[in-house]
C-alpha atoms as a PDB file:
ATOM      1  CA  UNK A   1     -33.438  48.595 -22.565  1.00  0.00           C
ATOM      2  CA  UNK A   2     -30.722  48.335 -20.493  1.00  0.00           C
ATOM      3  CA  UNK A   3     -31.644  50.088 -16.696  1.00  0.00           C
ATOM      4  CA  UNK A   4     -29.322  52.737 -15.066  1.00  0.00           C
ATOM      5  CA  UNK A   5     -27.409  50.315 -12.699  1.00  0.00           C
ATOM      6  CA  UNK A   6     -26.702  48.316 -15.848  1.00  0.00           C
ATOM      7  CA  UNK A   7     -25.760  50.930 -17.754  1.00  0.00           C
ATOM      8  CA  UNK A   8     -23.172  51.880 -15.117  1.00  0.00           C
ATOM      9  CA  UNK A   9     -21.540  48.355 -14.857  1.00  0.00           C
ATOM     10  CA  UNK A  10     -21.413  47.427 -18.260  1.00  0.00           C
ATOM     11  CA  UNK A  11     -19.991  50.869 -19.451  1.00  0.00           C
ATOM     12  CA  UNK A  12     -16.482  49.585 -20.966  1.00  0.00           C
ATOM     13  CA  UNK A  13     -18.551  47.119 -22.877  1.00  0.00           C
ATOM     14  CA  UNK A  14     -20.322  49.401 -24.273  1.00  0.00           C
ATOM     15  CA  UNK A  15     -17.036  50.891 -25.817  1.00  0.00           C
ATOM     16  CA  UNK A  16     -15.916  47.631 -26.896  1.00  0.00           C
ATOM     17  CA  UNK A  17     -17.704  47.502 -30.811  1.00  0.00           C
ATOM     18  CA  UNK A  18     -17.559  43.988 -30.552  1.00  0.00           C
ATOM     19  CA  UNK A  19     -19.709  43.910 -28.328  1.00  0.00           C
ATOM     20  CA  UNK A  20     -21.664  47.799 -27.251  1.00  0.00           C
ATOM     21  CA  UNK A  21     -25.406  47.752 -25.919  1.00  0.00           C
ATOM     22  CA  UNK A  22     -26.807  45.289 -28.253  1.00  0.00           C
ATOM     23  CA  UNK A  23     -24.076  42.637 -27.476  1.00  0.00           C
ATOM     24  CA  UNK A  24     -24.508  43.355 -23.577  1.00  0.00           C
ATOM     25  CA  UNK A  25     -28.329  42.815 -24.239  1.00  0.00           C
ATOM     26  CA  UNK A  26     -26.936  39.581 -25.891  1.00  0.00           C
ATOM     27  CA  UNK A  27     -24.938  38.363 -22.829  1.00  0.00           C
ATOM     28  CA  UNK A  28     -28.111  39.089 -20.366  1.00  0.00           C
ATOM     29  CA  UNK A  29     -30.630  37.064 -22.567  1.00  0.00           C
ATOM     30  CA  UNK A  30     -28.106  34.455 -22.756  1.00  0.00           C
ATOM     31  CA  UNK A  31     -27.822  31.319 -20.804  1.00  0.00           C
ATOM     32  CA  UNK A  32     -24.513  29.496 -20.032  1.00  0.00           C
ATOM     33  CA  UNK A  33     -23.831  26.146 -18.056  1.00  0.00           C
ATOM     34  CA  UNK A  34     -20.685  26.029 -16.255  1.00  0.00           C
ATOM     35  CA  UNK A  35     -19.714  21.885 -14.876  1.00  0.00           C
ATOM     36  CA  UNK A  36     -17.659  21.952 -12.216  1.00  0.00           C
ATOM     37  CA  UNK A  37     -16.820  24.458  -9.742  1.00  0.00           C
ATOM     38  CA  UNK A  38     -13.365  23.991  -9.309  1.00  0.00           C
ATOM     39  CA  UNK A  39      -9.938  25.361 -10.211  1.00  0.00           C
ATOM     40  CA  UNK A  40     -11.098  25.807 -14.173  1.00  0.00           C
ATOM     41  CA  UNK A  41     -14.897  26.584 -12.888  1.00  0.00           C
ATOM     42  CA  UNK A  42     -14.015  29.190 -10.463  1.00  0.00           C
ATOM     43  CA  UNK A  43     -12.255  31.849 -13.257  1.00  0.00           C
ATOM     44  CA  UNK A  44     -14.950  30.858 -15.810  1.00  0.00           C
ATOM     45  CA  UNK A  45     -18.143  31.584 -13.221  1.00  0.00           C
ATOM     46  CA  UNK A  46     -16.614  35.154 -12.257  1.00  0.00           C
ATOM     47  CA  UNK A  47     -15.879  36.126 -15.474  1.00  0.00           C
ATOM     48  CA  UNK A  48     -19.266  35.455 -17.039  1.00  0.00           C
ATOM     49  CA  UNK A  49     -20.877  36.816 -13.937  1.00  0.00           C
ATOM     50  CA  UNK A  50     -19.022  40.052 -14.004  1.00  0.00           C
ATOM     51  CA  UNK A  51     -19.434  40.024 -18.057  1.00  0.00           C
ATOM     52  CA  UNK A  52     -23.187  39.958 -17.722  1.00  0.00           C
ATOM     53  CA  UNK A  53     -24.513  36.224 -18.544  1.00  0.00           C
ATOM     54  CA  UNK A  54     -28.134  36.536 -17.732  1.00  0.00           C
ATOM     55  CA  UNK A  55     -28.306  33.381 -16.627  1.00  0.00           C
ATOM     56  CA  UNK A  56     -25.806  31.044 -15.264  1.00  0.00           C
ATOM     57  CA  UNK A  57     -25.758  27.117 -14.376  1.00  0.00           C
ATOM     58  CA  UNK A  58     -23.597  25.290 -12.226  1.00  0.00           C
ATOM     59  CA  UNK A  59     -22.799  21.929 -11.932  1.00  0.00           C
ATOM     60  CA  UNK A  60     -20.900  20.165  -9.323  1.00  0.00           C
ATOM     61  CA  UNK A  61     -21.635  17.196  -6.479  1.00  0.00           C
ATOM     62  CA  UNK A  62     -18.620  18.185  -4.328  1.00  0.00           C
ATOM     63  CA  UNK A  63     -18.234  20.391  -1.028  1.00  0.00           C
ATOM     64  CA  UNK A  64     -15.663  22.601  -0.212  1.00  0.00           C
ATOM     65  CA  UNK A  65     -12.890  21.193   1.103  1.00  0.00           C
ATOM     66  CA  UNK A  66      -9.790  22.959   2.376  1.00  0.00           C
ATOM     67  CA  UNK A  67      -7.182  21.589   0.638  1.00  0.00           C
ATOM     68  CA  UNK A  68      -8.986  23.084  -2.697  1.00  0.00           C
ATOM     69  CA  UNK A  69      -8.351  26.936  -1.560  1.00  0.00           C
ATOM     70  CA  UNK A  70      -4.977  26.402  -3.242  1.00  0.00           C
ATOM     71  CA  UNK A  71      -6.788  27.077  -7.116  1.00  0.00           C
ATOM     72  CA  UNK A  72     -10.160  27.164  -6.475  1.00  0.00           C
ATOM     73  CA  UNK A  73     -10.412  30.860  -6.276  1.00  0.00           C
ATOM     74  CA  UNK A  74     -14.115  31.245  -6.318  1.00  0.00           C
ATOM     75  CA  UNK A  75     -14.620  29.500  -2.697  1.00  0.00           C
ATOM     76  CA  UNK A  76     -13.220  30.971   0.683  1.00  0.00           C
ATOM     77  CA  UNK A  77     -11.809  29.453   3.515  1.00  0.00           C
ATOM     78  CA  UNK A  78     -15.443  30.678   5.516  1.00  0.00           C
ATOM     79  CA  UNK A  79     -16.954  27.995   3.586  1.00  0.00           C
ATOM     80  CA  UNK A  80     -15.352  25.193   3.688  1.00  0.00           C
ATOM     81  CA  UNK A  81     -17.990  22.181   4.023  1.00  0.00           C
ATOM     82  CA  UNK A  82     -20.372  23.726   2.131  1.00  0.00           C
ATOM     83  CA  UNK A  83     -21.710  22.597  -1.227  1.00  0.00           C
ATOM     84  CA  UNK A  84     -19.771  23.842  -3.978  1.00  0.00           C
ATOM     85  CA  UNK A  85     -22.484  24.369  -5.872  1.00  0.00           C
ATOM     86  CA  UNK A  86     -24.360  26.867  -3.341  1.00  0.00           C
ATOM     87  CA  UNK A  87     -20.273  28.471  -2.721  1.00  0.00           C
ATOM     88  CA  UNK A  88     -20.320  29.130  -6.589  1.00  0.00           C
ATOM     89  CA  UNK A  89     -23.885  31.216  -6.568  1.00  0.00           C
ATOM     90  CA  UNK A  90     -23.048  33.033  -3.378  1.00  0.00           C
ATOM     91  CA  UNK A  91     -19.804  34.361  -5.336  1.00  0.00           C
ATOM     92  CA  UNK A  92     -21.512  34.902  -8.607  1.00  0.00           C
ATOM     93  CA  UNK A  93     -24.113  36.505  -7.062  1.00  0.00           C
ATOM     94  CA  UNK A  94     -22.035  39.013  -4.516  1.00  0.00           C
ATOM     95  CA  UNK A  95     -20.118  39.842  -8.237  1.00  0.00           C
ATOM     96  CA  UNK A  96     -23.033  40.426  -9.886  1.00  0.00           C
ATOM     97  CA  UNK A  97     -26.842  40.543  -8.209  1.00  0.00           C
ATOM     98  CA  UNK A  98     -28.342  41.095 -11.244  1.00  0.00           C
ATOM     99  CA  UNK A  99     -28.789  37.357 -12.934  1.00  0.00           C
ATOM    100  CA  UNK A 100     -30.177  34.421 -12.323  1.00  0.00           C
ATOM    101  CA  UNK A 101     -27.917  31.559 -10.904  1.00  0.00           C
ATOM    102  CA  UNK A 102     -29.212  27.922 -10.870  1.00  0.00           C
ATOM    103  CA  UNK A 103     -27.450  25.187  -9.251  1.00  0.00           C
ATOM    104  CA  UNK A 104     -27.209  21.501  -9.745  1.00  0.00           C
ATOM    105  CA  UNK A 105     -25.725  19.817  -7.139  1.00  0.00           C
ATOM    106  CA  UNK A 106     -25.554  16.627  -8.630  1.00  0.00           C
ATOM    107  CA  UNK A 107     -23.383  13.655 -10.242  1.00  0.00           C
ATOM    108  CA  UNK A 108     -23.319  13.854 -14.220  1.00  0.00           C
ATOM    109  CA  UNK A 109     -24.830  10.657 -15.352  1.00  0.00           C
ATOM    110  CA  UNK A 110     -26.403   9.842 -18.493  1.00  0.00           C
ATOM    111  CA  UNK A 111     -29.442   9.210 -17.129  1.00  0.00           C
ATOM    112  CA  UNK A 112     -29.468  13.287 -15.836  1.00  0.00           C
ATOM    113  CA  UNK A 113     -26.851  15.007 -17.985  1.00  0.00           C
ATOM    114  CA  UNK A 114     -29.437  15.565 -21.425  1.00  0.00           C
ATOM    115  CA  UNK A 115     -32.341  17.281 -18.772  1.00  0.00           C
ATOM    116  CA  UNK A 116     -29.109  19.666 -17.026  1.00  0.00           C
ATOM    117  CA  UNK A 117     -27.437  20.958 -20.493  1.00  0.00           C
ATOM    118  CA  UNK A 118     -31.117  21.278 -22.392  1.00  0.00           C
ATOM    119  CA  UNK A 119     -31.715  24.969 -21.217  1.00  0.00           C
ATOM    120  CA  UNK A 120     -28.505  26.312 -21.843  1.00  0.00           C
ATOM    121  CA  UNK A 121     -26.841  27.825 -24.560  1.00  0.00           C
ATOM    122  CA  UNK A 122     -23.684  26.822 -24.527  1.00  0.00           C
ATOM    123  CA  UNK A 123     -21.810  24.882 -22.177  1.00  0.00           C
ATOM    124  CA  UNK A 124     -18.162  25.120 -19.980  1.00  0.00           C
ATOM    125  CA  UNK A 125     -16.800  21.431 -19.071  1.00  0.00           C
ATOM    126  CA  UNK A 126     -14.340  22.330 -16.433  1.00  0.00           C
ATOM    127  CA  UNK A 127     -14.115  18.824 -14.952  1.00  0.00           C
ATOM    128  CA  UNK A 128     -11.374  16.962 -14.434  1.00  0.00           C
ATOM    129  CA  UNK A 129     -11.810  13.165 -14.960  1.00  0.00           C
ATOM    130  CA  UNK A 130     -11.615  12.388 -18.827  1.00  0.00           C
ATOM    131  CA  UNK A 131     -14.797   9.991 -17.811  1.00  0.00           C
ATOM    132  CA  UNK A 132     -16.566  13.039 -17.350  1.00  0.00           C
ATOM    133  CA  UNK A 133     -15.490  14.728 -20.111  1.00  0.00           C
ATOM    134  CA  UNK A 134     -16.254  12.439 -22.771  1.00  0.00           C
ATOM    135  CA  UNK A 135     -19.625  12.254 -21.303  1.00  0.00           C
ATOM    136  CA  UNK A 136     -20.049  15.941 -21.600  1.00  0.00           C
ATOM    137  CA  UNK A 137     -18.791  15.756 -24.812  1.00  0.00           C
ATOM    138  CA  UNK A 138     -20.536  12.622 -26.065  1.00  0.00           C
ATOM    139  CA  UNK A 139     -24.202  14.581 -24.680  1.00  0.00           C
ATOM    140  CA  UNK A 140     -23.554  17.775 -26.074  1.00  0.00           C
ATOM    141  CA  UNK A 141     -22.905  16.270 -29.622  1.00  0.00           C
ATOM    142  CA  UNK A 142     -25.751  14.123 -29.552  1.00  0.00           C
ATOM    143  CA  UNK A 143     -27.939  17.397 -28.267  1.00  0.00           C
ATOM    144  CA  UNK A 144     -26.434  19.694 -30.575  1.00  0.00           C
ATOM    145  CA  UNK A 145     -25.083  22.046 -27.757  1.00  0.00           C
ATOM    146  CA  UNK A 146     -21.483  24.420 -28.307  1.00  0.00           C
ATOM    147  CA  UNK A 147     -18.838  23.805 -25.969  1.00  0.00           C
ATOM    148  CA  UNK A 148     -15.626  24.101 -24.596  1.00  0.00           C
ATOM    149  CA  UNK A 149     -13.332  21.682 -23.131  1.00  0.00           C
ATOM    150  CA  UNK A 150     -10.444  22.551 -21.164  1.00  0.00           C
ATOM    151  CA  UNK A 151      -7.783  20.200 -18.707  1.00  0.00           C
ATOM    152  CA  UNK A 152      -4.767  21.214 -16.838  1.00  0.00           C
ATOM    153  CA  UNK A 153      -2.224  19.549 -15.142  1.00  0.00           C
ATOM    154  CA  UNK A 154       0.727  20.589 -13.563  1.00  0.00           C
ATOM    155  CA  UNK A 155       1.599  24.027 -14.543  1.00  0.00           C
ATOM    156  CA  UNK A 156       0.020  23.729 -18.459  1.00  0.00           C
ATOM    157  CA  UNK A 157      -3.095  22.619 -20.293  1.00  0.00           C
ATOM    158  CA  UNK A 158      -4.760  22.742 -23.008  1.00  0.00           C
ATOM    159  CA  UNK A 159      -8.671  24.022 -24.503  1.00  0.00           C
ATOM    160  CA  UNK A 160     -10.767  23.638 -27.326  1.00  0.00           C
ATOM    161  CA  UNK A 161     -14.521  24.395 -28.810  1.00  0.00           C
ATOM    162  CA  UNK A 162     -16.698  22.660 -30.154  1.00  0.00           C
ATOM    163  CA  UNK A 163     -19.734  24.006 -31.779  1.00  0.00           C
ATOM    164  CA  UNK A 164     -22.285  21.532 -33.697  1.00  0.00           C
ATOM    165  CA  UNK A 165     -21.500  20.537 -37.712  1.00  0.00           C
ATOM    166  CA  UNK A 166     -18.519  23.082 -37.644  1.00  0.00           C
ATOM    167  CA  UNK A 167     -15.872  21.516 -35.546  1.00  0.00           C
ATOM    168  CA  UNK A 168     -14.189  18.001 -34.537  1.00  0.00           C
ATOM    169  CA  UNK A 169     -15.225  17.055 -31.015  1.00  0.00           C
ATOM    170  CA  UNK A 170     -13.066  15.776 -28.059  1.00  0.00           C
ATOM    171  CA  UNK A 171     -13.523  11.898 -29.445  1.00  0.00           C
ATOM    172  CA  UNK A 172     -11.568  13.285 -32.723  1.00  0.00           C
ATOM    173  CA  UNK A 173      -8.647  14.130 -30.779  1.00  0.00           C
ATOM    174  CA  UNK A 174      -8.187  11.885 -27.828  1.00  0.00           C
ATOM    175  CA  UNK A 175     -10.320   8.545 -29.743  1.00  0.00           C
ATOM    176  CA  UNK A 176     -10.814   6.080 -26.721  1.00  0.00           C
ATOM    177  CA  UNK A 177     -11.425   7.129 -23.033  1.00  0.00           C
ATOM    178  CA  UNK A 178      -7.579   7.348 -21.323  1.00  0.00           C
ATOM    179  CA  UNK A 179      -9.192   5.762 -17.886  1.00  0.00           C
ATOM    180  CA  UNK A 180      -5.980   5.341 -16.613  1.00  0.00           C
ATOM    181  CA  UNK A 181      -4.324   8.861 -17.003  1.00  0.00           C
ATOM    182  CA  UNK A 182      -2.768  10.932 -14.428  1.00  0.00           C
ATOM    183  CA  UNK A 183      -4.878  13.581 -12.544  1.00  0.00           C
ATOM    184  CA  UNK A 184      -4.122  16.279 -10.841  1.00  0.00           C
ATOM    185  CA  UNK A 185      -3.926  14.869  -7.179  1.00  0.00           C
ATOM    186  CA  UNK A 186      -1.198  12.411  -8.241  1.00  0.00           C
ATOM    187  CA  UNK A 187       0.636  14.931 -10.671  1.00  0.00           C
ATOM    188  CA  UNK A 188      -0.120  18.322  -9.078  1.00  0.00           C
ATOM    189  CA  UNK A 189      -1.335  21.620 -10.399  1.00  0.00           C
ATOM    190  CA  UNK A 190      -0.357  24.721 -10.003  1.00  0.00           C
ATOM    191  CA  UNK A 191      -3.680  27.599  -9.632  1.00  0.00           C
ATOM    192  CA  UNK A 192      -2.755  30.493 -11.814  1.00  0.00           C
ATOM    193  CA  UNK A 193      -2.764  27.118 -14.982  1.00  0.00           C
ATOM    194  CA  UNK A 194      -6.389  26.690 -14.178  1.00  0.00           C
ATOM    195  CA  UNK A 195      -6.706  30.247 -13.862  1.00  0.00           C
ATOM    196  CA  UNK A 196      -5.176  30.624 -17.241  1.00  0.00           C
ATOM    197  CA  UNK A 197      -7.570  28.214 -18.761  1.00  0.00           C
ATOM    198  CA  UNK A 198     -10.454  28.567 -17.500  1.00  0.00           C
ATOM    199  CA  UNK A 199     -10.385  32.303 -18.239  1.00  0.00           C
ATOM    200  CA  UNK A 200      -9.894  30.993 -21.797  1.00  0.00           C
ATOM    201  CA  UNK A 201     -13.020  29.236 -21.190  1.00  0.00           C
ATOM    202  CA  UNK A 202     -14.885  32.230 -20.292  1.00  0.00           C
ATOM    203  CA  UNK A 203     -13.632  34.067 -23.396  1.00  0.00           C
ATOM    204  CA  UNK A 204     -14.539  31.008 -25.741  1.00  0.00           C
ATOM    205  CA  UNK A 205     -18.401  31.917 -24.741  1.00  0.00           C
ATOM    206  CA  UNK A 206     -18.395  35.522 -24.245  1.00  0.00           C
ATOM    207  CA  UNK A 207     -17.483  35.294 -28.340  1.00  0.00           C
ATOM    208  CA  UNK A 208     -19.983  32.424 -28.982  1.00  0.00           C
ATOM    209  CA  UNK A 209     -22.687  34.392 -27.601  1.00  0.00           C
ATOM    210  CA  UNK A 210     -21.804  37.916 -29.419  1.00  0.00           C
ATOM    211  CA  UNK A 211     -21.147  35.852 -32.667  1.00  0.00           C
ATOM    212  CA  UNK A 212     -17.843  37.544 -32.462  1.00  0.00           C
ATOM    213  CA  UNK A 213     -13.780  36.643 -33.044  1.00  0.00           C
ATOM    214  CA  UNK A 214     -12.278  33.318 -33.971  1.00  0.00           C
ATOM    215  CA  UNK A 215     -13.603  30.452 -31.913  1.00  0.00           C
ATOM    216  CA  UNK A 216     -11.084  27.561 -30.759  1.00  0.00           C
ATOM    217  CA  UNK A 217     -13.086  25.357 -33.790  1.00  0.00           C
ATOM    218  CA  UNK A 218     -10.891  22.894 -35.429  1.00  0.00           C
ATOM    219  CA  UNK A 219      -8.237  23.647 -32.999  1.00  0.00           C
ATOM    220  CA  UNK A 220      -6.830  23.363 -29.461  1.00  0.00           C
ATOM    221  CA  UNK A 221      -4.527  25.263 -27.806  1.00  0.00           C
ATOM    222  CA  UNK A 222      -2.038  24.585 -25.409  1.00  0.00           C
ATOM    223  CA  UNK A 223      -0.183  26.440 -22.666  1.00  0.00           C
ATOM    224  CA  UNK A 224       3.005  25.758 -20.403  1.00  0.00           C
ATOM    225  CA  UNK A 225       3.288  27.377 -17.616  1.00  0.00           C
ATOM    226  CA  UNK A 226       6.791  26.875 -17.318  1.00  0.00           C
ATOM    227  CA  UNK A 227       8.201  28.358 -20.466  1.00  0.00           C
ATOM    228  CA  UNK A 228       5.094  30.873 -20.725  1.00  0.00           C
ATOM    229  CA  UNK A 229       4.338  29.422 -24.554  1.00  0.00           C
ATOM    230  CA  UNK A 230       1.469  29.316 -26.147  1.00  0.00           C
ATOM    231  CA  UNK A 231       0.078  27.896 -29.081  1.00  0.00           C
ATOM    232  CA  UNK A 232      -2.737  26.904 -31.311  1.00  0.00           C
ATOM    233  CA  UNK A 233      -2.548  23.822 -32.954  1.00  0.00           C
ATOM    234  CA  UNK A 234      -5.483  22.654 -35.944  1.00  0.00           C
ATOM    235  CA  UNK A 235      -7.245  19.655 -35.679  1.00  0.00           C
ATOM    236  CA  UNK A 236      -9.557  17.975 -38.706  1.00  0.00           C
ATOM    237  CA  UNK A 237     -12.293  15.610 -38.044  1.00  0.00           C
ATOM    238  CA  UNK A 238     -11.985  12.397 -37.662  1.00  0.00           C
ATOM    239  CA  UNK A 239     -14.674  10.530 -40.395  1.00  0.00           C
ATOM    240  CA  UNK A 240     -14.595   7.369 -37.994  1.00  0.00           C
ATOM    241  CA  UNK A 241     -15.001   9.047 -34.757  1.00  0.00           C
ATOM    242  CA  UNK A 242     -17.644   7.534 -32.349  1.00  0.00           C
ATOM    243  CA  UNK A 243     -20.151  10.285 -32.026  1.00  0.00           C
ATOM    244  CA  UNK A 244     -19.511  12.522 -34.499  1.00  0.00           C
ATOM    245  CA  UNK A 245     -18.006  10.515 -37.792  1.00  0.00           C
ATOM    246  CA  UNK A 246     -19.982   9.723 -40.913  1.00  0.00           C
ATOM    247  CA  UNK A 247     -21.041   6.598 -39.714  1.00  0.00           C
ATOM    248  CA  UNK A 248     -21.479   7.573 -35.476  1.00  0.00           C
ATOM    249  CA  UNK A 249     -21.875   4.030 -32.968  1.00  0.00           C
ATOM    250  CA  UNK A 250     -22.885   5.955 -30.617  1.00  0.00           C
ATOM    251  CA  UNK A 251     -26.403   7.368 -31.200  1.00  0.00           C
ATOM    252  CA  UNK A 252     -27.324   7.613 -27.558  1.00  0.00           C
ATOM    253  CA  UNK A 253     -25.570   8.079 -24.450  1.00  0.00           C
ATOM    254  CA  UNK A 254     -26.121   4.173 -23.506  1.00  0.00           C
ATOM    255  CA  UNK A 255     -24.423   3.025 -26.180  1.00  0.00           C
ATOM    256  CA  UNK A 256     -21.006   3.805 -24.834  1.00  0.00           C
ATOM    257  CA  UNK A 257     -21.739   3.715 -21.149  1.00  0.00           C
ATOM    258  CA  UNK A 258     -18.797   2.047 -19.790  1.00  0.00           C
ATOM    259  CA  UNK A 259     -16.777   5.237 -20.844  1.00  0.00           C
ATOM    260  CA  UNK A 260     -18.259   7.118 -18.588  1.00  0.00           C
ATOM    261  CA  UNK A 261     -18.218   5.053 -15.355  1.00  0.00           C
ATOM    262  CA  UNK A 262     -15.843   5.682 -12.662  1.00  0.00           C
ATOM    263  CA  UNK A 263     -15.102   3.454  -9.329  1.00  0.00           C
ATOM    264  CA  UNK A 264     -17.717   4.799  -6.485  1.00  0.00           C
ATOM    265  CA  UNK A 265     -14.626   5.422  -3.927  1.00  0.00           C
ATOM    266  CA  UNK A 266     -13.223   8.071  -7.381  1.00  0.00           C
ATOM    267  CA  UNK A 267     -16.323  10.139  -6.816  1.00  0.00           C
ATOM    268  CA  UNK A 268     -15.357  12.294  -3.991  1.00  0.00           C
ATOM    269  CA  UNK A 269     -12.133  14.224  -3.692  1.00  0.00           C
ATOM    270  CA  UNK A 270     -11.859  17.015  -6.381  1.00  0.00           C
ATOM    271  CA  UNK A 271      -8.823  17.250  -8.143  1.00  0.00           C
ATOM    272  CA  UNK A 272      -9.926  19.728 -10.595  1.00  0.00           C
END
């Protein structure tokens, strides 16, 4: 049963036939992990908290810097210097105190990621570097965890959703890790662009948890803020994919460890 406060808070959900009271109960019982409390993670955390996801995990290793505030709207000027996980947790609970927020203040590695994602129903990849994105992808494929990927550069970006046994993964789309790809620090990024893609990720999580709507499975959504074009392209699974193909060569995260490695000097300074 929902209590009186919950009945008031989620009343706009109750009138949506895809949610209703039973759907809201599903959200309240769900566990979602947001990896990256930056530009993409900010709207994702805020909307998931507002939607009533009962347990939210937030994983990040960095602290709030004044340069983050141009796009990472979950953080505020008075929290500069605070750990991003703690700042994001504070913001989420300010929106919705009727939830549990776990923080994972750590750099993701092949050694720890499986334990971190293990308890969650859905994962959001809100990170910036391809090395981390491929680590998340491979971990989710091996663990059988559904997740939403998004990436942003400049005025636009892309998003897709992986569901085990039902959709191709990030390696099917990109193949090898583009180690020397341009970052947001080098190319710049508009705050509203990460807001659009992070909100799409939150919507994908909610749809998955409710079992409603059509996910971005086998599809890639691309968004160009300058032209205001948003398109969805079909993608197919790669039978030769190293992690989800018919004869995968990556059977544990140590088989492709070099794909996930980032130079130590690059580990600080969040670009998301």
